[in-house]
Amino acid sequence: MFKTTIDCSGITDTDGDGIMDDCDNCPSTYNPDQADEDGDLIGDVCDDCTDSDGDGFGNPGYAANTCPDDNCPYTYNPDQTDSDGDGIGDACDYRTPQWDTVTSCGTQLIVGTNGNFGKQ
């Protein structure tokens, strides 16, 4: 097991947010909550691409983002394919299930492409 200790006892707090620069994930930008949505150790307020799924496209709504918005921010989809043009990537787009009925010995089983099934 690897363990490390970070010394946060420095005396400099450049942005005045109460977090010493040695441990501040945005030492030049006020961010006392140290929010880091994508876990890259760069605070959201100064991260130029907050990208939770790591596909190179940023989560919408982060002012500091310079990367294009992700049409599926929590599902890896580097191609950003959106076949139906609704602004939601195919990788996370809910589709209306297709249903099929299988009949055997008088029992019918209805199965959907979404994994649901039922007996009639």
PDB file of N, CA and C in Angstrom:
ATOM      1  N   MET A   1       0.843  -1.178   0.000  1.00  0.00           N
ATOM      2  CA  MET A   1       0.000   0.000   0.000  1.00  0.00           C
ATOM      3  C   MET A   1       0.884   1.236   0.000  1.00  0.00           C
ATOM      4  N   PHE A   2       0.551   2.191  -0.846  1.00  0.00           N
ATOM      5  CA  PHE A   2       1.295   3.431  -0.943  1.00  0.00           C
ATOM      6  C   PHE A   2       0.585   4.492  -0.121  1.00  0.00           C
ATOM      7  N   LYS A   3       1.322   5.199   0.675  1.00  0.00           N
ATOM      8  CA  LYS A   3       0.751   6.260   1.495  1.00  0.00           C
ATOM      9  C   LYS A   3       1.654   7.468   1.405  1.00  0.00           C
ATOM     10  N   THR A   4       1.061   8.615   1.273  1.00  0.00           N
ATOM     11  CA  THR A   4       1.838   9.843   1.213  1.00  0.00           C
ATOM     12  C   THR A   4       1.194  10.897   2.103  1.00  0.00           C
ATOM     13  N   THR A   5       1.993  11.838   2.507  1.00  0.00           N
ATOM     14  CA  THR A   5       1.508  12.947   3.332  1.00  0.00           C
ATOM     15  C   THR A   5       1.870  14.235   2.624  1.00  0.00           C
ATOM     16  N   ILE A   6       0.934  15.142   2.552  1.00  0.00           N
ATOM     17  CA  ILE A   6       1.175  16.439   1.934  1.00  0.00           C
ATOM     18  C   ILE A   6       1.215  17.478   3.040  1.00  0.00           C
ATOM     19  N   ASP A   7       2.257  18.264   3.004  1.00  0.00           N
ATOM     20  CA  ASP A   7       2.415  19.314   4.008  1.00  0.00           C
ATOM     21  C   ASP A   7       1.624  20.548   3.565  1.00  0.00           C
ATOM     22  N   CYS A   8       0.555  20.850   4.263  1.00  0.00           N
ATOM     23  CA  CYS A   8      -0.287  22.002   3.942  1.00  0.00           C
ATOM     24  C   CYS A   8      -0.105  23.115   4.965  1.00  0.00           C
ATOM     25  N   SER A   9       1.059  23.161   5.554  1.00  0.00           N
ATOM     26  CA  SER A   9       1.286  24.153   6.609  1.00  0.00           C
ATOM     27  C   SER A   9       1.912  25.432   6.076  1.00  0.00           C
ATOM     28  N   GLY A  10       1.942  25.578   4.747  1.00  0.00           N
ATOM     29  CA  GLY A  10       2.531  26.779   4.165  1.00  0.00           C
ATOM     30  C   GLY A  10       1.856  28.040   4.703  1.00  0.00           C
ATOM     31  N   ILE A  11       2.496  29.163   4.453  1.00  0.00           N
ATOM     32  CA  ILE A  11       1.949  30.429   4.967  1.00  0.00           C
ATOM     33  C   ILE A  11       1.308  31.265   3.872  1.00  0.00           C
ATOM     34  N   THR A  12       1.321  30.748   2.648  1.00  0.00           N
ATOM     35  CA  THR A  12       0.785  31.524   1.527  1.00  0.00           C
ATOM     36  C   THR A  12      -0.582  31.000   1.107  1.00  0.00           C
ATOM     37  N   ASP A  13      -1.539  31.935   1.031  1.00  0.00           N
ATOM     38  CA  ASP A  13      -2.886  31.645   0.533  1.00  0.00           C
ATOM     39  C   ASP A  13      -3.207  32.740  -0.479  1.00  0.00           C
ATOM     40  N   THR A  14      -2.685  32.596  -1.676  1.00  0.00           N
ATOM     41  CA  THR A  14      -2.758  33.622  -2.713  1.00  0.00           C
ATOM     42  C   THR A  14      -4.180  34.090  -2.988  1.00  0.00           C
ATOM     43  N   ASP A  15      -5.143  33.165  -3.064  1.00  0.00           N
ATOM     44  CA  ASP A  15      -6.511  33.532  -3.431  1.00  0.00           C
ATOM     45  C   ASP A  15      -7.402  33.849  -2.231  1.00  0.00           C
ATOM     46  N   GLY A  16      -6.892  33.675  -1.009  1.00  0.00           N
ATOM     47  CA  GLY A  16      -7.652  34.039   0.195  1.00  0.00           C
ATOM     48  C   GLY A  16      -8.854  33.160   0.480  1.00  0.00           C
ATOM     49  N   ASP A  17      -8.814  31.895   0.031  1.00  0.00           N
ATOM     50  CA  ASP A  17      -9.962  31.008   0.247  1.00  0.00           C
ATOM     51  C   ASP A  17      -9.828  30.124   1.485  1.00  0.00           C
ATOM     52  N   GLY A  18      -8.736  30.317   2.255  1.00  0.00           N
ATOM     53  CA  GLY A  18      -8.542  29.541   3.477  1.00  0.00           C
ATOM     54  C   GLY A  18      -7.795  28.242   3.268  1.00  0.00           C
ATOM     55  N   ILE A  19      -7.431  27.933   2.012  1.00  0.00           N
ATOM     56  CA  ILE A  19      -6.656  26.736   1.699  1.00  0.00           C
ATOM     57  C   ILE A  19      -5.264  27.211   1.293  1.00  0.00           C
ATOM     58  N   MET A  20      -4.242  26.728   1.989  1.00  0.00           N
ATOM     59  CA  MET A  20      -2.881  27.137   1.673  1.00  0.00           C
ATOM     60  C   MET A  20      -2.509  26.678   0.259  1.00  0.00           C
ATOM     61  N   ASP A  21      -1.729  27.479  -0.448  1.00  0.00           N
ATOM     62  CA  ASP A  21      -1.366  27.210  -1.834  1.00  0.00           C
ATOM     63  C   ASP A  21      -0.797  25.807  -2.040  1.00  0.00           C
ATOM     64  N   ASP A  22      -0.062  25.286  -1.051  1.00  0.00           N
ATOM     65  CA  ASP A  22       0.530  23.951  -1.168  1.00  0.00           C
ATOM     66  C   ASP A  22      -0.526  22.869  -1.410  1.00  0.00           C
ATOM     67  N   CYS A  23      -1.730  23.093  -0.963  1.00  0.00           N
ATOM     68  CA  CYS A  23      -2.792  22.083  -1.054  1.00  0.00           C
ATOM     69  C   CYS A  23      -4.031  22.574  -1.786  1.00  0.00           C
ATOM     70  N   ASP A  24      -3.982  23.767  -2.355  1.00  0.00           N
ATOM     71  CA  ASP A  24      -5.122  24.365  -3.044  1.00  0.00           C
ATOM     72  C   ASP A  24      -5.149  23.858  -4.489  1.00  0.00           C
ATOM     73  N   ASN A  25      -6.292  23.322  -4.934  1.00  0.00           N
ATOM     74  CA  ASN A  25      -6.375  22.812  -6.303  1.00  0.00           C
ATOM     75  C   ASN A  25      -6.586  23.920  -7.342  1.00  0.00           C
ATOM     76  N   CYS A  26      -6.712  25.149  -6.895  1.00  0.00           N
ATOM     77  CA  CYS A  26      -6.735  26.347  -7.741  1.00  0.00           C
ATOM     78  C   CYS A  26      -6.102  27.477  -6.928  1.00  0.00           C
ATOM     79  N   PRO A  27      -4.804  27.504  -6.767  1.00  0.00           N
ATOM     80  CA  PRO A  27      -4.179  28.456  -5.855  1.00  0.00           C
ATOM     81  C   PRO A  27      -4.365  29.929  -6.215  1.00  0.00           C
ATOM     82  N   SER A  28      -4.706  30.213  -7.467  1.00  0.00           N
ATOM     83  CA  SER A  28      -4.882  31.615  -7.867  1.00  0.00           C
ATOM     84  C   SER A  28      -6.340  32.029  -7.987  1.00  0.00           C
ATOM     85  N   THR A  29      -7.261  31.089  -7.742  1.00  0.00           N
ATOM     86  CA  THR A  29      -8.691  31.366  -7.888  1.00  0.00           C
ATOM     87  C   THR A  29      -9.419  30.957  -6.617  1.00  0.00           C
ATOM     88  N   TYR A  30     -10.230  31.860  -6.065  1.00  0.00           N
ATOM     89  CA  TYR A  30     -10.977  31.620  -4.832  1.00  0.00           C
ATOM     90  C   TYR A  30     -11.929  30.438  -5.021  1.00  0.00           C
ATOM     91  N   ASN A  31     -11.723  29.389  -4.253  1.00  0.00           N
ATOM     92  CA  ASN A  31     -12.606  28.217  -4.295  1.00  0.00           C
ATOM     93  C   ASN A  31     -12.494  27.447  -2.976  1.00  0.00           C
ATOM     94  N   PRO A  32     -13.121  27.933  -1.932  1.00  0.00           N
ATOM     95  CA  PRO A  32     -12.988  27.281  -0.625  1.00  0.00           C
ATOM     96  C   PRO A  32     -13.547  25.862  -0.586  1.00  0.00           C
ATOM     97  N   ASP A  33     -14.467  25.516  -1.489  1.00  0.00           N
ATOM     98  CA  ASP A  33     -15.034  24.158  -1.463  1.00  0.00           C
ATOM     99  C   ASP A  33     -14.136  23.141  -2.164  1.00  0.00           C
ATOM    100  N   GLN A  34     -13.141  23.594  -2.945  1.00  0.00           N
ATOM    101  CA  GLN A  34     -12.195  22.724  -3.640  1.00  0.00           C
ATOM    102  C   GLN A  34     -12.889  21.699  -4.538  1.00  0.00           C
ATOM    103  N   ALA A  35     -14.063  22.063  -5.083  1.00  0.00           N
ATOM    104  CA  ALA A  35     -14.826  21.154  -5.948  1.00  0.00           C
ATOM    105  C   ALA A  35     -13.974  20.707  -7.140  1.00  0.00           C
ATOM    106  N   ASP A  36     -14.024  19.403  -7.426  1.00  0.00           N
ATOM    107  CA  ASP A  36     -13.264  18.812  -8.520  1.00  0.00           C
ATOM    108  C   ASP A  36     -14.097  17.663  -9.102  1.00  0.00           C
ATOM    109  N   GLU A  37     -15.092  17.997  -9.901  1.00  0.00           N
ATOM    110  CA  GLU A  37     -16.065  17.043 -10.444  1.00  0.00           C
ATOM    111  C   GLU A  37     -15.422  15.860 -11.158  1.00  0.00           C
ATOM    112  N   ASP A  38     -14.365  16.109 -11.927  1.00  0.00           N
ATOM    113  CA  ASP A  38     -13.780  15.020 -12.706  1.00  0.00           C
ATOM    114  C   ASP A  38     -12.586  14.334 -12.036  1.00  0.00           C
ATOM    115  N   GLY A  39     -12.238  14.766 -10.835  1.00  0.00           N
ATOM    116  CA  GLY A  39     -11.201  14.095 -10.062  1.00  0.00           C
ATOM    117  C   GLY A  39      -9.795  14.194 -10.633  1.00  0.00           C
ATOM    118  N   ASP A  40      -9.512  15.250 -11.387  1.00  0.00           N
ATOM    119  CA  ASP A  40      -8.181  15.396 -11.983  1.00  0.00           C
ATOM    120  C   ASP A  40      -7.238  16.261 -11.151  1.00  0.00           C
ATOM    121  N   LEU A  41      -7.672  16.604  -9.934  1.00  0.00           N
ATOM    122  CA  LEU A  41      -6.902  17.398  -8.975  1.00  0.00           C
ATOM    123  C   LEU A  41      -6.765  18.860  -9.369  1.00  0.00           C
ATOM    124  N   ILE A  42      -7.545  19.295 -10.350  1.00  0.00           N
ATOM    125  CA  ILE A  42      -7.632  20.705 -10.720  1.00  0.00           C
ATOM    126  C   ILE A  42      -9.046  21.144 -10.380  1.00  0.00           C
ATOM    127  N   GLY A  43      -9.178  22.176  -9.572  1.00  0.00           N
ATOM    128  CA  GLY A  43     -10.502  22.642  -9.156  1.00  0.00           C
ATOM    129  C   GLY A  43     -11.362  23.068 -10.336  1.00  0.00           C
ATOM    130  N   ASP A  44     -12.658  22.830 -10.231  1.00  0.00           N
ATOM    131  CA  ASP A  44     -13.582  23.132 -11.323  1.00  0.00           C
ATOM    132  C   ASP A  44     -13.527  24.583 -11.786  1.00  0.00           C
ATOM    133  N   VAL A  45     -13.330  25.527 -10.864  1.00  0.00           N
ATOM    134  CA  VAL A  45     -13.344  26.940 -11.254  1.00  0.00           C
ATOM    135  C   VAL A  45     -12.162  27.337 -12.116  1.00  0.00           C
ATOM    136  N   CYS A  46     -11.113  26.534 -12.145  1.00  0.00           N
ATOM    137  CA  CYS A  46      -9.971  26.863 -12.999  1.00  0.00           C
ATOM    138  C   CYS A  46      -9.586  25.730 -13.944  1.00  0.00           C
ATOM    139  N   ASP A  47     -10.373  24.677 -14.000  1.00  0.00           N
ATOM    140  CA  ASP A  47     -10.102  23.541 -14.888  1.00  0.00           C
ATOM    141  C   ASP A  47     -10.572  23.922 -16.287  1.00  0.00           C
ATOM    142  N   ASP A  48      -9.677  23.867 -17.273  1.00  0.00           N
ATOM    143  CA  ASP A  48     -10.076  24.261 -18.629  1.00  0.00           C
ATOM    144  C   ASP A  48     -10.865  23.178 -19.367  1.00  0.00           C
ATOM    145  N   CYS A  49     -11.028  22.002 -18.725  1.00  0.00           N
ATOM    146  CA  CYS A  49     -11.890  20.969 -19.294  1.00  0.00           C
ATOM    147  C   CYS A  49     -12.326  20.009 -18.186  1.00  0.00           C
ATOM    148  N   THR A  50     -13.438  20.309 -17.542  1.00  0.00           N
ATOM    149  CA  THR A  50     -14.007  19.401 -16.541  1.00  0.00           C
ATOM    150  C   THR A  50     -14.684  18.281 -17.318  1.00  0.00           C
ATOM    151  N   ASP A  51     -14.053  17.096 -17.302  1.00  0.00           N
ATOM    152  CA  ASP A  51     -14.440  15.976 -18.164  1.00  0.00           C
ATOM    153  C   ASP A  51     -14.563  14.713 -17.314  1.00  0.00           C
ATOM    154  N   SER A  52     -15.742  14.451 -16.767  1.00  0.00           N
ATOM    155  CA  SER A  52     -15.951  13.336 -15.840  1.00  0.00           C
ATOM    156  C   SER A  52     -15.694  11.961 -16.439  1.00  0.00           C
ATOM    157  N   ASP A  53     -15.956  11.771 -17.731  1.00  0.00           N
ATOM    158  CA  ASP A  53     -15.793  10.438 -18.315  1.00  0.00           C
ATOM    159  C   ASP A  53     -14.478  10.265 -19.077  1.00  0.00           C
ATOM    160  N   GLY A  54     -13.669  11.315 -19.152  1.00  0.00           N
ATOM    161  CA  GLY A  54     -12.343  11.209 -19.749  1.00  0.00           C
ATOM    162  C   GLY A  54     -12.305  10.999 -21.253  1.00  0.00           C
ATOM    163  N   ASP A  55     -13.337  11.472 -21.966  1.00  0.00           N
ATOM    164  CA  ASP A  55     -13.359  11.269 -23.419  1.00  0.00           C
ATOM    165  C   ASP A  55     -12.896  12.498 -24.205  1.00  0.00           C
ATOM    166  N   GLY A  56     -12.458  13.543 -23.491  1.00  0.00           N
ATOM    167  CA  GLY A  56     -11.955  14.737 -24.167  1.00  0.00           C
ATOM    168  C   GLY A  56     -12.995  15.806 -24.407  1.00  0.00           C
ATOM    169  N   PHE A  57     -14.238  15.559 -24.009  1.00  0.00           N
ATOM    170  CA  PHE A  57     -15.310  16.534 -24.137  1.00  0.00           C
ATOM    171  C   PHE A  57     -15.767  16.888 -22.735  1.00  0.00           C
ATOM    172  N   GLY A  58     -16.023  18.174 -22.471  1.00  0.00           N
ATOM    173  CA  GLY A  58     -16.305  18.642 -21.116  1.00  0.00           C
ATOM    174  C   GLY A  58     -17.759  18.588 -20.708  1.00  0.00           C
ATOM    175  N   ASN A  59     -17.952  18.439 -19.402  1.00  0.00           N
ATOM    176  CA  ASN A  59     -19.302  18.485 -18.840  1.00  0.00           C
ATOM    177  C   ASN A  59     -19.899  19.868 -19.107  1.00  0.00           C
ATOM    178  N   PRO A  60     -21.105  19.955 -19.627  1.00  0.00           N
ATOM    179  CA  PRO A  60     -21.738  21.247 -19.859  1.00  0.00           C
ATOM    180  C   PRO A  60     -21.929  22.003 -18.552  1.00  0.00           C
ATOM    181  N   GLY A  61     -21.846  23.325 -18.631  1.00  0.00           N
ATOM    182  CA  GLY A  61     -22.149  24.174 -17.483  1.00  0.00           C
ATOM    183  C   GLY A  61     -20.951  24.628 -16.672  1.00  0.00           C
ATOM    184  N   TYR A  62     -19.744  24.316 -17.090  1.00  0.00           N
ATOM    185  CA  TYR A  62     -18.544  24.753 -16.378  1.00  0.00           C
ATOM    186  C   TYR A  62     -17.931  25.913 -17.141  1.00  0.00           C
ATOM    187  N   ALA A  63     -17.972  27.097 -16.534  1.00  0.00           N
ATOM    188  CA  ALA A  63     -17.557  28.337 -17.196  1.00  0.00           C
ATOM    189  C   ALA A  63     -16.113  28.314 -17.682  1.00  0.00           C
ATOM    190  N   ALA A  64     -15.225  27.619 -16.983  1.00  0.00           N
ATOM    191  CA  ALA A  64     -13.810  27.615 -17.365  1.00  0.00           C
ATOM    192  C   ALA A  64     -13.507  26.671 -18.525  1.00  0.00           C
ATOM    193  N   ASN A  65     -14.476  25.836 -18.937  1.00  0.00           N
ATOM    194  CA  ASN A  65     -14.226  24.872 -20.016  1.00  0.00           C
ATOM    195  C   ASN A  65     -13.860  25.569 -21.320  1.00  0.00           C
ATOM    196  N   THR A  66     -12.788  25.098 -21.944  1.00  0.00           N
ATOM    197  CA  THR A  66     -12.433  25.543 -23.290  1.00  0.00           C
ATOM    198  C   THR A  66     -12.623  24.396 -24.278  1.00  0.00           C
ATOM    199  N   CYS A  67     -12.905  23.201 -23.767  1.00  0.00           N
ATOM    200  CA  CYS A  67     -13.157  22.046 -24.626  1.00  0.00           C
ATOM    201  C   CYS A  67     -14.639  22.035 -25.020  1.00  0.00           C
ATOM    202  N   PRO A  68     -14.981  21.353 -26.110  1.00  0.00           N
ATOM    203  CA  PRO A  68     -16.393  21.284 -26.516  1.00  0.00           C
ATOM    204  C   PRO A  68     -17.228  20.525 -25.482  1.00  0.00           C
ATOM    205  N   ASP A  69     -18.516  20.884 -25.391  1.00  0.00           N
ATOM    206  CA  ASP A  69     -19.429  20.214 -24.466  1.00  0.00           C
ATOM    207  C   ASP A  69     -19.636  18.753 -24.864  1.00  0.00           C
ATOM    208  N   ASP A  70     -19.753  17.911 -23.828  1.00  0.00           N
ATOM    209  CA  ASP A  70     -19.977  16.478 -23.998  1.00  0.00           C
ATOM    210  C   ASP A  70     -21.478  16.232 -24.097  1.00  0.00           C
ATOM    211  N   ASN A  71     -21.917  15.478 -25.104  1.00  0.00           N
ATOM    212  CA  ASN A  71     -23.345  15.184 -25.247  1.00  0.00           C
ATOM    213  C   ASN A  71     -23.765  13.997 -24.382  1.00  0.00           C
ATOM    214  N   CYS A  72     -22.830  13.462 -23.620  1.00  0.00           N
ATOM    215  CA  CYS A  72     -23.087  12.331 -22.736  1.00  0.00           C
ATOM    216  C   CYS A  72     -22.022  12.391 -21.626  1.00  0.00           C
ATOM    217  N   PRO A  73     -22.113  13.371 -20.706  1.00  0.00           N
ATOM    218  CA  PRO A  73     -20.996  13.692 -19.816  1.00  0.00           C
ATOM    219  C   PRO A  73     -20.534  12.620 -18.841  1.00  0.00           C
ATOM    220  N   TYR A  74     -21.316  11.621 -18.555  1.00  0.00           N
ATOM    221  CA  TYR A  74     -20.892  10.602 -17.596  1.00  0.00           C
ATOM    222  C   TYR A  74     -20.718   9.231 -18.232  1.00  0.00           C
ATOM    223  N   THR A  75     -20.723   9.175 -19.577  1.00  0.00           N
ATOM    224  CA  THR A  75     -20.508   7.936 -20.320  1.00  0.00           C
ATOM    225  C   THR A  75     -19.451   8.205 -21.385  1.00  0.00           C
ATOM    226  N   TYR A  76     -18.380   7.411 -21.374  1.00  0.00           N
ATOM    227  CA  TYR A  76     -17.280   7.570 -22.329  1.00  0.00           C
ATOM    228  C   TYR A  76     -17.798   7.396 -23.752  1.00  0.00           C
ATOM    229  N   ASN A  77     -17.679   8.444 -24.549  1.00  0.00           N
ATOM    230  CA  ASN A  77     -18.103   8.385 -25.952  1.00  0.00           C
ATOM    231  C   ASN A  77     -17.306   9.411 -26.766  1.00  0.00           C
ATOM    232  N   PRO A  78     -16.046   9.085 -27.070  1.00  0.00           N
ATOM    233  CA  PRO A  78     -15.196  10.049 -27.757  1.00  0.00           C
ATOM    234  C   PRO A  78     -15.661  10.420 -29.165  1.00  0.00           C
ATOM    235  N   ASP A  79     -16.522   9.614 -29.772  1.00  0.00           N
ATOM    236  CA  ASP A  79     -17.010   9.961 -31.113  1.00  0.00           C
ATOM    237  C   ASP A  79     -18.206  10.909 -31.063  1.00  0.00           C
ATOM    238  N   GLN A  80     -18.854  11.054 -29.893  1.00  0.00           N
ATOM    239  CA  GLN A  80     -19.988  11.970 -29.709  1.00  0.00           C
ATOM    240  C   GLN A  80     -21.127  11.713 -30.702  1.00  0.00           C
ATOM    241  N   THR A  81     -21.289  10.467 -31.148  1.00  0.00           N
ATOM    242  CA  THR A  81     -22.337  10.121 -32.108  1.00  0.00           C
ATOM    243  C   THR A  81     -23.718  10.406 -31.520  1.00  0.00           C
ATOM    244  N   ASP A  82     -24.564  11.067 -32.304  1.00  0.00           N
ATOM    245  CA  ASP A  82     -25.935  11.399 -31.914  1.00  0.00           C
ATOM    246  C   ASP A  82     -26.825  11.124 -33.124  1.00  0.00           C
ATOM    247  N   SER A  83     -27.143   9.862 -33.349  1.00  0.00           N
ATOM    248  CA  SER A  83     -27.849   9.429 -34.558  1.00  0.00           C
ATOM    249  C   SER A  83     -29.202  10.088 -34.767  1.00  0.00           C
ATOM    250  N   ASP A  84     -29.935  10.361 -33.685  1.00  0.00           N
ATOM    251  CA  ASP A  84     -31.260  10.947 -33.850  1.00  0.00           C
ATOM    252  C   ASP A  84     -31.262  12.472 -33.752  1.00  0.00           C
ATOM    253  N   GLY A  85     -30.085  13.089 -33.553  1.00  0.00           N
ATOM    254  CA  GLY A  85     -29.972  14.548 -33.560  1.00  0.00           C
ATOM    255  C   GLY A  85     -30.673  15.255 -32.412  1.00  0.00           C
ATOM    256  N   ASP A  86     -30.871  14.568 -31.282  1.00  0.00           N
ATOM    257  CA  ASP A  86     -31.583  15.192 -30.161  1.00  0.00           C
ATOM    258  C   ASP A  86     -30.656  15.865 -29.152  1.00  0.00           C
ATOM    259  N   GLY A  87     -29.334  15.882 -29.437  1.00  0.00           N
ATOM    260  CA  GLY A  87     -28.382  16.523 -28.533  1.00  0.00           C
ATOM    261  C   GLY A  87     -27.883  15.615 -27.423  1.00  0.00           C
ATOM    262  N   ILE A  88     -28.381  14.384 -27.362  1.00  0.00           N
ATOM    263  CA  ILE A  88     -27.947  13.399 -26.371  1.00  0.00           C
ATOM    264  C   ILE A  88     -27.199  12.309 -27.128  1.00  0.00           C
ATOM    265  N   GLY A  89     -25.960  12.023 -26.699  1.00  0.00           N
ATOM    266  CA  GLY A  89     -25.150  11.021 -27.376  1.00  0.00           C
ATOM    267  C   GLY A  89     -25.790   9.648 -27.359  1.00  0.00           C
ATOM    268  N   ASP A  90     -25.570   8.891 -28.427  1.00  0.00           N
ATOM    269  CA  ASP A  90     -26.131   7.540 -28.526  1.00  0.00           C
ATOM    270  C   ASP A  90     -25.740   6.667 -27.340  1.00  0.00           C
ATOM    271  N   ALA A  91     -24.548   6.879 -26.787  1.00  0.00           N
ATOM    272  CA  ALA A  91     -24.049   6.043 -25.687  1.00  0.00           C
ATOM    273  C   ALA A  91     -24.900   6.147 -24.429  1.00  0.00           C
ATOM    274  N   CYS A  92     -25.675   7.222 -24.285  1.00  0.00           N
ATOM    275  CA  CYS A  92     -26.507   7.360 -23.084  1.00  0.00           C
ATOM    276  C   CYS A  92     -27.942   7.773 -23.410  1.00  0.00           C
ATOM    277  N   ASP A  93     -28.308   7.696 -24.666  1.00  0.00           N
ATOM    278  CA  ASP A  93     -29.647   8.102 -25.094  1.00  0.00           C
ATOM    279  C   ASP A  93     -30.645   6.981 -24.811  1.00  0.00           C
ATOM    280  N   TYR A  94     -31.707   7.315 -24.120  1.00  0.00           N
ATOM    281  CA  TYR A  94     -32.761   6.330 -23.863  1.00  0.00           C
ATOM    282  C   TYR A  94     -33.554   6.128 -25.141  1.00  0.00           C
ATOM    283  N   ARG A  95     -33.692   4.920 -25.523  1.00  0.00           N
ATOM    284  CA  ARG A  95     -34.477   4.596 -26.711  1.00  0.00           C
ATOM    285  C   ARG A  95     -35.754   3.872 -26.299  1.00  0.00           C
ATOM    286  N   THR A  96     -36.816   4.120 -27.051  1.00  0.00           N
ATOM    287  CA  THR A  96     -38.059   3.414 -26.813  1.00  0.00           C
ATOM    288  C   THR A  96     -37.820   1.943 -27.130  1.00  0.00           C
ATOM    289  N   PRO A  97     -38.123   1.061 -26.184  1.00  0.00           N
ATOM    290  CA  PRO A  97     -37.829  -0.354 -26.410  1.00  0.00           C
ATOM    291  C   PRO A  97     -38.662  -0.949 -27.547  1.00  0.00           C
ATOM    292  N   GLN A  98     -38.066  -1.893 -28.229  1.00  0.00           N
ATOM    293  CA  GLN A  98     -38.766  -2.678 -29.236  1.00  0.00           C
ATOM    294  C   GLN A  98     -39.231  -3.955 -28.537  1.00  0.00           C
ATOM    295  N   TRP A  99     -40.435  -4.399 -28.800  1.00  0.00           N
ATOM    296  CA  TRP A  99     -40.992  -5.566 -28.122  1.00  0.00           C
ATOM    297  C   TRP A  99     -41.193  -6.712 -29.096  1.00  0.00           C
ATOM    298  N   ASP A 100     -41.020  -7.920 -28.609  1.00  0.00           N
ATOM    299  CA  ASP A 100     -41.248  -9.116 -29.410  1.00  0.00           C
ATOM    300  C   ASP A 100     -41.967 -10.131 -28.531  1.00  0.00           C
ATOM    301  N   THR A 101     -42.829 -10.939 -29.120  1.00  0.00           N
ATOM    302  CA  THR A 101     -43.574 -11.952 -28.366  1.00  0.00           C
ATOM    303  C   THR A 101     -43.132 -13.329 -28.806  1.00  0.00           C
ATOM    304  N   VAL A 102     -42.800 -14.149 -27.821  1.00  0.00           N
ATOM    305  CA  VAL A 102     -42.429 -15.539 -28.073  1.00  0.00           C
ATOM    306  C   VAL A 102     -43.516 -16.413 -27.466  1.00  0.00           C
ATOM    307  N   THR A 103     -44.085 -17.323 -28.257  1.00  0.00           N
ATOM    308  CA  THR A 103     -45.142 -18.199 -27.765  1.00  0.00           C
ATOM    309  C   THR A 103     -44.651 -19.635 -27.800  1.00  0.00           C
ATOM    310  N   SER A 104     -44.849 -20.327 -26.686  1.00  0.00           N
ATOM    311  CA  SER A 104     -44.452 -21.727 -26.599  1.00  0.00           C
ATOM    312  C   SER A 104     -45.430 -22.443 -25.675  1.00  0.00           C
ATOM    313  N   CYS A 105     -46.038 -23.498 -26.138  1.00  0.00           N
ATOM    314  CA  CYS A 105     -46.965 -24.309 -25.335  1.00  0.00           C
ATOM    315  C   CYS A 105     -48.051 -23.452 -24.669  1.00  0.00           C
ATOM    316  N   GLY A 106     -48.558 -22.494 -25.382  1.00  0.00           N
ATOM    317  CA  GLY A 106     -49.645 -21.684 -24.852  1.00  0.00           C
ATOM    318  C   GLY A 106     -49.218 -20.567 -23.907  1.00  0.00           C
ATOM    319  N   THR A 107     -47.933 -20.449 -23.622  1.00  0.00           N
ATOM    320  CA  THR A 107     -47.441 -19.367 -22.760  1.00  0.00           C
ATOM    321  C   THR A 107     -46.732 -18.347 -23.639  1.00  0.00           C
ATOM    322  N   GLN A 108     -47.068 -17.080 -23.428  1.00  0.00           N
ATOM    323  CA  GLN A 108     -46.423 -16.024 -24.191  1.00  0.00           C
ATOM    324  C   GLN A 108     -45.470 -15.263 -23.284  1.00  0.00           C
ATOM    325  N   LEU A 109     -44.310 -14.971 -23.819  1.00  0.00           N
ATOM    326  CA  LEU A 109     -43.330 -14.164 -23.109  1.00  0.00           C
ATOM    327  C   LEU A 109     -43.030 -12.962 -23.981  1.00  0.00           C
ATOM    328  N   ILE A 110     -43.235 -11.782 -23.432  1.00  0.00           N
ATOM    329  CA  ILE A 110     -42.966 -10.556 -24.162  1.00  0.00           C
ATOM    330  C   ILE A 110     -41.626 -10.022 -23.669  1.00  0.00           C
ATOM    331  N   VAL A 111     -40.721  -9.806 -24.606  1.00  0.00           N
ATOM    332  CA  VAL A 111     -39.358  -9.380 -24.254  1.00  0.00           C
ATOM    333  C   VAL A 111     -39.066  -8.064 -24.961  1.00  0.00           C
ATOM    334  N   GLY A 112     -38.508  -7.124 -24.195  1.00  0.00           N
ATOM    335  CA  GLY A 112     -38.137  -5.817 -24.750  1.00  0.00           C
ATOM    336  C   GLY A 112     -36.634  -5.684 -24.894  1.00  0.00           C
ATOM    337  N   THR A 113     -36.202  -4.835 -25.815  1.00  0.00           N
ATOM    338  CA  THR A 113     -34.777  -4.604 -26.029  1.00  0.00           C
ATOM    339  C   THR A 113     -34.127  -3.888 -24.834  1.00  0.00           C
ATOM    340  N   ASN A 114     -34.946  -3.381 -23.931  1.00  0.00           N
ATOM    341  CA  ASN A 114     -34.414  -2.712 -22.746  1.00  0.00           C
ATOM    342  C   ASN A 114     -34.211  -3.697 -21.597  1.00  0.00           C
ATOM    343  N   GLY A 115     -34.406  -4.987 -21.843  1.00  0.00           N
ATOM    344  CA  GLY A 115     -34.175  -6.007 -20.831  1.00  0.00           C
ATOM    345  C   GLY A 115     -35.408  -6.366 -20.010  1.00  0.00           C
ATOM    346  N   ASN A 116     -36.496  -5.655 -20.218  1.00  0.00           N
ATOM    347  CA  ASN A 116     -37.713  -5.966 -19.479  1.00  0.00           C
ATOM    348  C   ASN A 116     -38.474  -7.113 -20.164  1.00  0.00           C
ATOM    349  N   PHE A 117     -39.192  -7.866 -19.367  1.00  0.00           N
ATOM    350  CA  PHE A 117     -40.017  -8.930 -19.941  1.00  0.00           C
ATOM    351  C   PHE A 117     -41.257  -9.107 -19.069  1.00  0.00           C
ATOM    352  N   GLY A 118     -42.221  -9.749 -19.651  1.00  0.00           N
ATOM    353  CA  GLY A 118     -43.457 -10.011 -18.907  1.00  0.00           C
ATOM    354  C   GLY A 118     -44.170 -11.211 -19.483  1.00  0.00           C
ATOM    355  N   LYS A 119     -45.097 -11.771 -18.731  1.00  0.00           N
ATOM    356  CA  LYS A 119     -45.829 -12.965 -19.163  1.00  0.00           C
ATOM    357  C   LYS A 119     -47.274 -12.562 -19.397  1.00  0.00           C
ATOM    358  N   GLN A 120     -47.842 -13.053 -20.494  1.00  0.00           N
ATOM    359  CA  GLN A 120     -49.259 -12.778 -20.765  1.00  0.00           C
ATOM    360  C   GLN A 120     -50.064 -14.033 -20.609  1.00  0.00           C
TER     361      GLN A 120
END
